[in-house]
Structures are given as structure tokens and as C-alpha cells.
């Protein structure tokens, strides 16, 4: 007779937990899709294209993302999470295959349409993950955000590496064709181990909509939303335009320019891992101001350097400066708000809008003022981030002084 007294969980709970734990790999696919355009512009030979037209590629992706985020949030009340995750994996693979079919010399409008569908895949997948991983995020938003961030960053590096390795094949369709296999593999594995996620719509025990509206009314929620908008805008302004900037300003080899983008993503990933250990030991205001100071130093070096080596150093410094901001925001969200998928889906959508709008604006900066001023927008955005973060800390201090306890997840 067995002496093991551990409780036996119902089969449905075990299957749901497996589905939730396995589906987190979706963040890798989201990172792969979101980061792809920065390196793909070089692969498509957009080096001398109209920068304003380049900017509209980012808007096309963002329009698809926002549509899918709103649509998926409504449909998840009736559809099981696994169905939406599987559909998003399938659409991600199909959109990447379509990008292969419409690579240059096909008309540019078809590529923008395919990017919109890639945005739909990203929005549907990320919304489904925020709902499907409800239990994990409710227990610890910061811990789950760390795990999701690592997978997201790995996806960014994967797409950049594939583009760099295939550049000299002179086959513009090849990188997206290879990357299309990634979500397809995940889709097949997910269908094989589908479990209860395919049969039960997402339901929360409490009245989430009422608590979400309560969170949205707070000043802290507004400050967080603006902070996410500008911080993600800053990060993805670099991610979207860095290869083109290095090619135009420093005469970089296209492959080395794309590899520099990969180094930027790596610096963000490693820096965020280190920041997780620093957060309990360093005053958050000092960490914030110090991080932005490091990032501004990187911007100054990048604007003044005349060598690719200096560009690499500057990019690594910028990545190291930005790295602590995301873990700091995740921890503050964990401290101030209980987890509600609808609320977090809204804030992530705002962050994604910033991530795509800043590269779009840089197209006009390049067109009217020149490539040398492209670096100015994220530098100014960094100053805004510091101001918003300090205001958020002040608001938290005032609320604590009034005896208002931050909402915590249960």
C-alpha cells in the first residue's frame, strides 16, 4: 500500500494546469512576431526607401494587434482559451508564410496587409495568454512577468538571428519561411496535449469587470499606462530603427547591423535578469534615475560615435540602462493592483501602441530632419519615463500616508 498522502487532484484541474504551463511558450512567438520588422526591413532592402512609408509598416502591425486584443477579449467569454491560443498559433504561421510570398519585388501594400495579420496573431495570442495564465499571474505578477519576459526576449533574438544568418542567401522570402515553422510546431504540440483548455471558456470567480473599472479610475492606472506607452516606445524605437540607423550613419554592413540589434535584445534580457536581484537591495528611485542616466549616456555615445565598435558599446549601454525598467514596472503592478486579465490586456495594448507609434514617428523625423536626429525621440521619451515613474512613486507614498492599502492579488 502506498504511504503517499498527497491529495489527488481532479483530472480536469491537472489538464488545465498542464495547458497553462505549456502555453507560456506563446510569449516566445509573440516576441518573434513583434521584433521581426526591425531586421526584416534590412532583409527587404528598405535601406533607401521613403522613411515615412517604412513607419506605416509599424502602424499596420499595431492596427492588427489592437483589433485582435479587443476581439479576443470578448470571444474568450464564450470560447475556451485553448481554441484561441491554437487559432493564434495557426494565424502566426500563416502570416509568416504570407510574408514569404509577398517579399520584394511584390507590391509593398501586400506586405503591409500581411503585417496586419501578424499583428492579429500577436494580439490574439497575447490576450489569450493573459486570460489563460490567470492563476499564475494572480499568484505573482512579477514572477510570471519575469518568465514571460525571458521567453519574449528569446523570441526577439530568434527572429533577429534567423534574418542575419539568411541575409547573404539573397532570398528575401527565406527568413519568414523558416520562422513560420516555429508557431506551427507549437500548434501541433498544443493540439496533441490540448486537455480541458479546449472545452471550458475562461471564467473568473469574482466580478472582474467591476474591479477592473475601479482600477482604471485610479491615478496610478493612468500613470502606469503612460509609463508603459513611453517606455515601450523608447525600447522599440531602437528595436525598429537601429539597423537602418547604423547602415546610414556608420556605413555598417547590413548583417552586422542586424547582429547589433540582436546584441541589444540580449543586453535587455541579461540586464532584466540582473535587475531582479537588484530590486530588493537598491532604492527604486535611485535605480530608476541611475538607469535612465545610463541610457542617456548610451544615446549620447551613439549620436557621437563614428565607428561600428562605438555603436555596439552604445547599444549595449542603452540596453543595460533600459533593462531594470520592465522588472520595476512589473513589481509595482504586482504591489498596486490585483490581477485582472481585462485590465492587464488594456495596459499591454497601450504599451504595444507605444512600441509601434514611436518607430512610425521616427519615419517622419528621418524624412524631415535626417537620420542623425532619429535617436533624439527615444532620448526625450526617457526623460518622460523618469518623470512619470517619480510621479507614480509620489502617488503611492501619498496613498500610503492616507492609510490606503494597495490592492493585492489573492
Protein backbone atom coordinates (compact mmCIF):
# COMPACT_ATOMS: atom_id res chain seq x y z
CA UNK A 1 0.00 0.00 0.00
CA UNK A 2 1.26 3.47 -0.84
CA UNK A 3 2.02 5.80 2.07
CA UNK A 4 1.80 8.93 -0.09
CA UNK A 5 -0.91 11.18 1.41
CA UNK A 6 -0.67 13.94 -1.18
CA UNK A 7 -4.12 14.97 -2.41
CA UNK A 8 -5.16 13.61 -5.78
CA UNK A 9 -6.22 16.49 -7.99
CA UNK A 10 -9.15 16.07 -10.36
CA UNK A 11 -8.14 15.21 -13.92
CA UNK A 12 -9.62 18.46 -15.29
CA UNK A 13 -7.52 20.57 -12.90
CA UNK A 14 -4.35 18.69 -13.84
CA UNK A 15 -5.09 19.09 -17.55
CA UNK A 16 -5.85 22.78 -17.17
CA UNK A 17 -2.64 23.35 -15.20
CA UNK A 18 -0.64 21.50 -17.86
CA UNK A 19 -2.25 23.55 -20.60
CA UNK A 20 -1.47 26.78 -18.74
CA UNK A 21 2.15 25.84 -18.08
CA UNK A 22 2.73 24.68 -21.64
CA UNK A 23 1.04 27.65 -23.31
CA UNK A 24 3.52 30.13 -21.82
CA UNK A 25 5.79 29.32 -24.78
CA UNK A 26 3.39 31.55 -26.71
CA UNK A 27 5.33 34.53 -25.38
CA UNK A 28 8.28 33.36 -27.48
CA UNK A 29 6.10 33.51 -30.61
CA UNK A 30 4.79 36.97 -29.66
CA UNK A 31 8.36 38.23 -29.23
CA UNK A 32 9.34 36.74 -32.56
CA UNK A 33 6.49 38.50 -34.37
CA UNK A 34 6.80 41.88 -32.63
CA UNK A 35 10.56 42.16 -33.15
CA UNK A 36 10.70 40.85 -36.70
CA UNK A 37 10.11 44.11 -38.56
CA UNK A 38 13.30 45.83 -37.35
CA UNK A 39 15.55 43.27 -39.04
CA UNK A 40 13.16 42.41 -41.85
CA UNK A 41 13.35 45.98 -43.21
CA UNK A 42 17.03 45.36 -43.94
CA UNK A 43 16.32 41.95 -45.44
CA UNK A 44 13.73 43.58 -47.75
CA UNK A 45 16.33 46.15 -48.88
CA UNK A 46 14.36 49.11 -47.48
CA UNK A 47 17.64 50.92 -46.84
CA UNK A 48 16.85 53.71 -49.30
CA UNK A 49 13.04 53.56 -49.06
CA UNK A 50 10.89 56.53 -48.04
CA UNK A 51 11.16 56.56 -44.21
CA UNK A 52 7.56 57.75 -43.86
CA UNK A 53 6.40 54.68 -45.75
CA UNK A 54 8.56 52.49 -43.52
CA UNK A 55 6.77 53.93 -40.50
CA UNK A 56 3.39 52.83 -41.79
CA UNK A 57 4.54 49.19 -41.65
CA UNK A 58 4.62 49.51 -37.85
CA UNK A 59 1.16 51.08 -37.81
CA UNK A 60 -0.22 48.22 -39.90
CA UNK A 61 1.08 45.72 -37.35
CA UNK A 62 -0.33 47.77 -34.47
CA UNK A 63 -3.77 48.08 -36.09
CA UNK A 64 -3.96 44.29 -36.36
CA UNK A 65 -2.80 43.86 -32.78
CA UNK A 66 -5.38 46.24 -31.30
CA UNK A 67 -8.21 44.69 -33.30
CA UNK A 68 -7.29 41.18 -32.14
CA UNK A 69 -6.82 42.21 -28.50
CA UNK A 70 -10.34 43.66 -28.37
CA UNK A 71 -11.89 40.78 -30.35
CA UNK A 72 -10.19 38.02 -28.33
CA UNK A 73 -11.15 39.60 -25.02
CA UNK A 74 -14.81 39.44 -25.99
CA UNK A 75 -14.66 35.96 -27.52
CA UNK A 76 -12.89 34.40 -24.53
CA UNK A 77 -16.16 34.69 -22.59
CA UNK A 78 -17.60 32.07 -24.98
CA UNK A 79 -14.58 30.21 -26.34
CA UNK A 80 -12.14 28.04 -24.46
CA UNK A 81 -8.69 29.59 -24.10
CA UNK A 82 -7.04 26.71 -25.93
CA UNK A 83 -9.08 27.35 -29.04
CA UNK A 84 -7.93 30.98 -29.19
CA UNK A 85 -4.30 30.04 -28.49
CA UNK A 86 -4.35 27.40 -31.22
CA UNK A 87 -6.01 29.74 -33.71
CA UNK A 88 -3.38 32.39 -32.95
CA UNK A 89 -0.53 29.90 -33.45
CA UNK A 90 -2.04 28.91 -36.78
CA UNK A 91 -2.53 32.51 -37.88
CA UNK A 92 1.03 33.39 -36.83
CA UNK A 93 2.40 30.62 -39.04
CA UNK A 94 0.11 31.59 -41.92
CA UNK A 95 1.04 35.28 -41.70
CA UNK A 96 4.75 34.45 -41.79
CA UNK A 97 4.21 32.21 -44.80
CA UNK A 98 2.30 35.04 -46.46
CA UNK A 99 5.17 37.43 -45.77
CA UNK A 100 7.38 34.97 -47.64
CA UNK A 101 5.04 35.02 -50.61
CA UNK A 102 4.80 38.83 -50.74
CA UNK A 103 8.51 39.59 -50.18
CA UNK A 104 10.08 42.06 -52.67
CA UNK A 105 9.60 42.62 -55.55
CA UNK A 106 5.86 42.16 -54.76
CA UNK A 107 3.98 45.46 -54.20
CA UNK A 108 4.50 46.96 -50.75
CA UNK A 109 0.78 47.07 -49.88
CA UNK A 110 0.62 43.27 -49.71
CA UNK A 111 3.41 43.20 -47.15
CA UNK A 112 1.63 45.75 -45.00
CA UNK A 113 -1.52 43.61 -45.14
CA UNK A 114 0.46 40.53 -44.12
CA UNK A 115 1.99 42.50 -41.23
CA UNK A 116 -1.53 43.44 -40.10
CA UNK A 117 -2.37 39.72 -39.91
CA UNK A 118 0.85 39.11 -37.97
CA UNK A 119 -0.38 41.79 -35.56
CA UNK A 120 -3.73 40.00 -35.29
CA UNK A 121 -1.91 36.77 -34.42
CA UNK A 122 0.16 38.58 -31.77
CA UNK A 123 -2.84 40.33 -30.23
CA UNK A 124 -4.98 37.20 -30.14
CA UNK A 125 -2.18 35.10 -28.68
CA UNK A 126 -1.08 37.57 -26.02
CA UNK A 127 -4.66 38.27 -24.91
CA UNK A 128 -5.34 34.55 -24.65
CA UNK A 129 -2.20 34.07 -22.56
CA UNK A 130 -3.14 36.88 -20.17
CA UNK A 131 -6.51 35.20 -19.62
CA UNK A 132 -5.33 31.59 -19.70
CA UNK A 133 -2.46 32.17 -17.26
CA UNK A 134 -4.80 33.97 -14.87
CA UNK A 135 -3.96 31.73 -11.89
CA UNK A 136 -0.19 32.14 -12.27
CA UNK A 137 -0.35 35.90 -12.76
CA UNK A 138 -2.73 36.25 -9.80
CA UNK A 139 -0.30 34.44 -7.51
CA UNK A 140 2.69 36.55 -8.53
CA UNK A 141 2.58 39.02 -11.38
CA UNK A 142 6.29 39.83 -11.09
CA UNK A 143 7.42 36.17 -11.23
CA UNK A 144 5.22 35.38 -14.22
CA UNK A 145 6.26 38.61 -15.93
CA UNK A 146 9.90 37.57 -15.49
CA UNK A 147 9.25 34.18 -17.11
CA UNK A 148 7.20 35.71 -19.90
CA UNK A 149 9.82 38.41 -20.45
CA UNK A 150 12.60 35.84 -20.88
CA UNK A 151 10.58 33.93 -23.46
CA UNK A 152 9.59 37.14 -25.22
CA UNK A 153 13.24 38.24 -25.37
CA UNK A 154 14.27 34.81 -26.67
CA UNK A 155 11.73 35.21 -29.46
CA UNK A 156 13.19 38.60 -30.33
CA UNK A 157 16.69 37.16 -30.55
CA UNK A 158 15.50 34.16 -32.57
CA UNK A 159 13.89 36.24 -35.31
CA UNK A 160 16.88 38.59 -35.49
CA UNK A 161 19.35 35.70 -35.69
CA UNK A 162 17.42 33.95 -38.47
CA UNK A 163 17.35 37.13 -40.57
CA UNK A 164 21.09 37.69 -40.05
CA UNK A 165 22.02 34.11 -40.95
CA UNK A 166 19.95 34.09 -44.13
CA UNK A 167 20.79 37.60 -45.41
CA UNK A 168 23.55 36.57 -47.82
CA UNK A 169 21.38 33.91 -49.43
CA UNK A 170 19.74 36.84 -51.25
CA UNK A 171 16.36 35.16 -50.77
CA UNK A 172 14.08 37.74 -49.07
CA UNK A 173 11.40 35.09 -48.50
CA UNK A 174 13.65 32.63 -46.64
CA UNK A 175 13.72 34.03 -43.05
CA UNK A 176 9.95 34.30 -42.66
CA UNK A 177 9.56 30.89 -44.30
CA UNK A 178 11.86 29.34 -41.68
CA UNK A 179 10.26 31.23 -38.80
CA UNK A 180 6.78 30.06 -39.86
CA UNK A 181 7.77 26.59 -38.67
CA UNK A 182 8.05 27.73 -35.02
CA UNK A 183 4.38 28.54 -34.31
CA UNK A 184 3.34 25.56 -36.45
CA UNK A 185 5.37 23.20 -34.25
CA UNK A 186 3.84 24.74 -31.11
CA UNK A 187 0.39 24.41 -32.64
CA UNK A 188 0.86 20.70 -33.34
CA UNK A 189 2.20 20.04 -29.84
CA UNK A 190 -0.57 22.07 -28.26
CA UNK A 191 -3.27 20.19 -30.20
CA UNK A 192 -1.75 16.90 -29.12
CA UNK A 193 -1.92 17.88 -25.41
CA UNK A 194 -4.99 20.07 -25.53
CA UNK A 195 -6.71 18.96 -22.30
CA UNK A 196 -9.54 20.85 -20.69
CA UNK A 197 -8.45 24.20 -22.18
CA UNK A 198 -10.36 23.22 -25.29
CA UNK A 199 -13.67 22.73 -23.55
CA UNK A 200 -14.12 25.41 -20.90
CA UNK A 201 -14.44 29.16 -21.56
CA UNK A 202 -12.47 31.43 -19.28
CA UNK A 203 -14.47 32.32 -16.15
CA UNK A 204 -13.35 34.27 -13.10
CA UNK A 205 -15.00 33.75 -9.74
CA UNK A 206 -15.29 37.43 -8.83
CA UNK A 207 -16.87 40.26 -10.75
CA UNK A 208 -13.73 41.17 -12.70
CA UNK A 209 -15.33 43.92 -14.76
CA UNK A 210 -16.33 45.90 -11.67
CA UNK A 211 -12.89 45.63 -10.09
CA UNK A 212 -11.23 46.43 -13.41
CA UNK A 213 -13.23 49.65 -13.72
CA UNK A 214 -12.23 50.54 -10.17
CA UNK A 215 -8.56 50.10 -11.09
CA UNK A 216 -8.95 52.09 -14.29
CA UNK A 217 -10.34 55.10 -12.41
CA UNK A 218 -7.24 55.47 -10.27
CA UNK A 219 -4.50 57.98 -10.93
CA UNK A 220 -1.97 55.16 -10.58
CA UNK A 221 -3.54 53.28 -13.50
CA UNK A 222 -3.29 56.37 -15.70
CA UNK A 223 0.35 56.92 -14.75
CA UNK A 224 1.17 53.25 -15.33
CA UNK A 225 -0.46 53.35 -18.76
CA UNK A 226 1.51 56.44 -19.80
CA UNK A 227 4.70 54.97 -18.37
CA UNK A 228 4.24 51.76 -20.35
CA UNK A 229 3.43 53.72 -23.51
CA UNK A 230 6.60 55.80 -23.37
CA UNK A 231 8.94 53.08 -22.07
CA UNK A 232 7.94 50.52 -24.69
CA UNK A 233 8.01 53.31 -27.26
CA UNK A 234 11.60 54.09 -26.29
CA UNK A 235 12.70 50.46 -26.40
CA UNK A 236 11.06 49.69 -29.73
CA UNK A 237 12.13 52.93 -31.36
CA UNK A 238 15.63 51.47 -31.01
CA UNK A 239 14.49 47.97 -31.99
CA UNK A 240 12.71 49.23 -35.10
CA UNK A 241 15.30 51.65 -36.48
CA UNK A 242 18.68 50.58 -35.10
CA UNK A 243 19.84 48.56 -38.16
CA UNK A 244 18.85 51.34 -40.59
CA UNK A 245 20.49 53.94 -38.33
CA UNK A 246 23.79 52.02 -38.24
CA UNK A 247 23.77 51.49 -42.01
CA UNK A 248 23.08 55.15 -42.83
CA UNK A 249 25.13 56.84 -40.10
CA UNK A 250 28.10 54.47 -39.76
CA UNK A 251 28.10 52.67 -43.11
CA UNK A 252 27.66 49.34 -41.35
CA UNK A 253 27.43 46.04 -43.14
CA UNK A 254 23.70 45.04 -43.12
CA UNK A 255 24.40 41.73 -41.37
CA UNK A 256 26.46 43.42 -38.65
CA UNK A 257 23.71 45.99 -38.23
CA UNK A 258 21.15 43.23 -37.68
CA UNK A 259 23.55 41.45 -35.30
CA UNK A 260 23.83 44.69 -33.31
CA UNK A 261 20.06 44.57 -32.91
CA UNK A 262 20.41 41.04 -31.57
CA UNK A 263 23.03 42.30 -29.09
CA UNK A 264 20.54 44.97 -27.96
CA UNK A 265 17.89 42.31 -27.23
CA UNK A 266 20.49 40.23 -25.40
CA UNK A 267 21.51 43.21 -23.27
CA UNK A 268 17.87 43.77 -22.33
CA UNK A 269 17.44 40.11 -21.35
CA UNK A 270 20.61 39.83 -19.27
CA UNK A 271 20.01 43.22 -17.69
CA UNK A 272 16.50 42.26 -16.64
CA UNK A 273 17.76 39.08 -15.01
CA UNK A 274 20.28 41.12 -13.05
CA UNK A 275 17.69 43.75 -12.17
CA UNK A 276 15.54 41.09 -10.49
CA UNK A 277 18.32 40.59 -7.95
CA UNK A 278 18.94 44.33 -7.52
CA UNK A 279 15.35 45.36 -6.83
CA UNK A 280 15.26 44.14 -3.19
CA UNK A 281 18.67 45.70 -2.42
CA UNK A 282 18.61 49.13 -4.09
CA UNK A 283 16.30 52.09 -3.55
CA UNK A 284 13.91 52.14 -6.50
CA UNK A 285 14.21 55.88 -7.10
CA UNK A 286 17.99 55.64 -7.32
CA UNK A 287 17.75 52.61 -9.58
CA UNK A 288 15.31 54.42 -11.87
CA UNK A 289 17.32 57.63 -12.14
CA UNK A 290 20.57 55.69 -12.50
CA UNK A 291 19.12 53.50 -15.25
CA UNK A 292 17.89 56.47 -17.24
CA UNK A 293 21.25 58.19 -16.74
CA UNK A 294 22.99 55.15 -18.20
CA UNK A 295 20.55 55.06 -21.13
CA UNK A 296 21.11 58.77 -21.84
CA UNK A 297 24.87 58.17 -21.80
CA UNK A 298 24.34 55.45 -24.38
CA UNK A 299 22.29 57.80 -26.56
CA UNK A 300 25.00 60.45 -26.37
CA UNK A 301 27.68 57.94 -27.36
CA UNK A 302 25.55 56.58 -30.22
CA UNK A 303 24.96 60.07 -31.60
CA UNK A 304 28.67 60.98 -31.45
CA UNK A 305 30.39 57.74 -32.46
CA UNK A 306 31.81 57.30 -35.94
CA UNK A 307 32.66 53.59 -35.69
CA UNK A 308 30.64 50.40 -35.51
CA UNK A 309 32.55 49.35 -32.38
CA UNK A 310 31.41 52.53 -30.67
CA UNK A 311 27.90 51.79 -31.90
CA UNK A 312 27.97 48.34 -30.30
CA UNK A 313 29.15 49.77 -26.98
CA UNK A 314 26.46 52.47 -27.10
CA UNK A 315 23.71 49.94 -27.87
CA UNK A 316 24.80 47.68 -25.01
CA UNK A 317 24.80 50.67 -22.65
CA UNK A 318 21.29 51.67 -23.78
CA UNK A 319 20.06 48.10 -23.30
CA UNK A 320 21.60 47.92 -19.83
CA UNK A 321 20.01 51.25 -18.94
CA UNK A 322 16.55 50.20 -20.09
CA UNK A 323 16.72 46.70 -18.60
CA UNK A 324 15.68 47.47 -14.98
CA UNK A 325 12.60 49.47 -16.00
CA UNK A 326 10.43 46.49 -17.01
CA UNK A 327 11.05 44.46 -13.79
CA UNK A 328 10.44 47.61 -11.75
CA UNK A 329 7.12 48.24 -13.52
CA UNK A 330 6.11 44.59 -13.12
CA UNK A 331 6.78 44.68 -9.38
CA UNK A 332 4.87 47.94 -8.96
CA UNK A 333 1.92 46.47 -10.85
CA UNK A 334 2.05 43.44 -8.55
CA UNK A 335 2.06 45.69 -5.47
CA UNK A 336 -0.62 48.16 -6.55
CA UNK A 337 -3.22 46.12 -8.45
CA UNK A 338 -4.93 42.80 -8.14
CA UNK A 339 -4.57 40.82 -11.36
CA UNK A 340 -7.44 41.14 -13.85
CA UNK A 341 -6.86 39.95 -17.42
CA UNK A 342 -9.01 42.73 -18.91
CA UNK A 343 -7.07 45.43 -17.08
CA UNK A 344 -3.68 43.97 -17.97
CA UNK A 345 -4.75 43.38 -21.55
CA UNK A 346 -5.62 47.07 -21.79
CA UNK A 347 -2.28 48.21 -20.36
CA UNK A 348 -0.33 45.83 -22.61
CA UNK A 349 -2.27 47.14 -25.63
CA UNK A 350 -1.28 50.67 -24.66
CA UNK A 351 2.35 49.55 -24.34
CA UNK A 352 2.22 47.86 -27.74
CA UNK A 353 0.76 51.02 -29.28
CA UNK A 354 3.71 52.99 -27.92
CA UNK A 355 6.09 50.34 -29.25
CA UNK A 356 4.70 50.75 -32.78
CA UNK A 357 3.89 54.50 -32.76
CA UNK A 358 7.42 55.60 -31.86
CA UNK A 359 9.01 53.84 -34.89
CA UNK A 360 6.24 55.35 -37.04
CA UNK A 361 7.08 58.84 -35.76
CA UNK A 362 10.77 58.21 -36.39
CA UNK A 363 9.94 57.81 -40.07
CA UNK A 364 8.85 61.46 -40.14
CA UNK A 365 11.84 62.55 -38.04
CA UNK A 366 14.16 60.88 -40.56
CA UNK A 367 12.25 62.32 -43.52
CA UNK A 368 12.22 65.95 -42.35
CA UNK A 369 15.32 66.24 -40.16
CA UNK A 370 17.64 63.41 -41.17
CA UNK A 371 18.77 60.10 -39.72
CA UNK A 372 21.11 61.73 -37.20
CA UNK A 373 18.06 63.07 -35.29
CA UNK A 374 16.31 59.69 -35.13
CA UNK A 375 17.97 58.94 -31.81
CA UNK A 376 16.52 62.14 -30.28
CA UNK A 377 12.92 60.90 -29.85
CA UNK A 378 13.65 57.92 -27.54
CA UNK A 379 16.14 60.08 -25.61
CA UNK A 380 13.39 62.61 -24.89
CA UNK A 381 10.99 59.77 -24.13
CA UNK A 382 13.40 58.51 -21.46
CA UNK A 383 13.10 61.82 -19.63
CA UNK A 384 9.30 61.48 -19.72
CA UNK A 385 9.58 57.96 -18.27
CA UNK A 386 11.62 59.23 -15.31
CA UNK A 387 9.07 61.97 -14.61
CA UNK A 388 6.12 59.56 -14.80
CA UNK A 389 7.84 56.98 -12.61
CA UNK A 390 8.67 59.56 -9.94
CA UNK A 391 5.07 60.80 -10.03
CA UNK A 392 3.89 57.22 -9.61
CA UNK A 393 6.14 56.73 -6.59
CA UNK A 394 4.88 60.02 -5.13
CA UNK A 395 1.27 58.93 -5.64
CA UNK A 396 1.98 55.61 -3.90
CA UNK A 397 3.59 57.45 -0.98
CA UNK A 398 0.63 59.80 -0.63
CA UNK A 399 -1.88 56.93 -0.75
CA UNK A 400 0.07 55.04 1.90
CA UNK A 401 0.14 58.17 4.05
CA UNK A 402 -3.65 58.39 3.84
CA UNK A 403 -3.97 54.81 5.00
CA UNK A 404 -4.99 53.43 1.62
CA UNK A 405 -3.58 49.94 1.21
CA UNK A 406 -2.54 48.85 -2.28
CA UNK A 407 -4.70 46.14 -3.80
CA UNK A 408 -3.02 42.76 -3.83
CA UNK A 409 -3.90 39.69 -5.76
CA UNK A 410 -5.43 36.83 -3.92
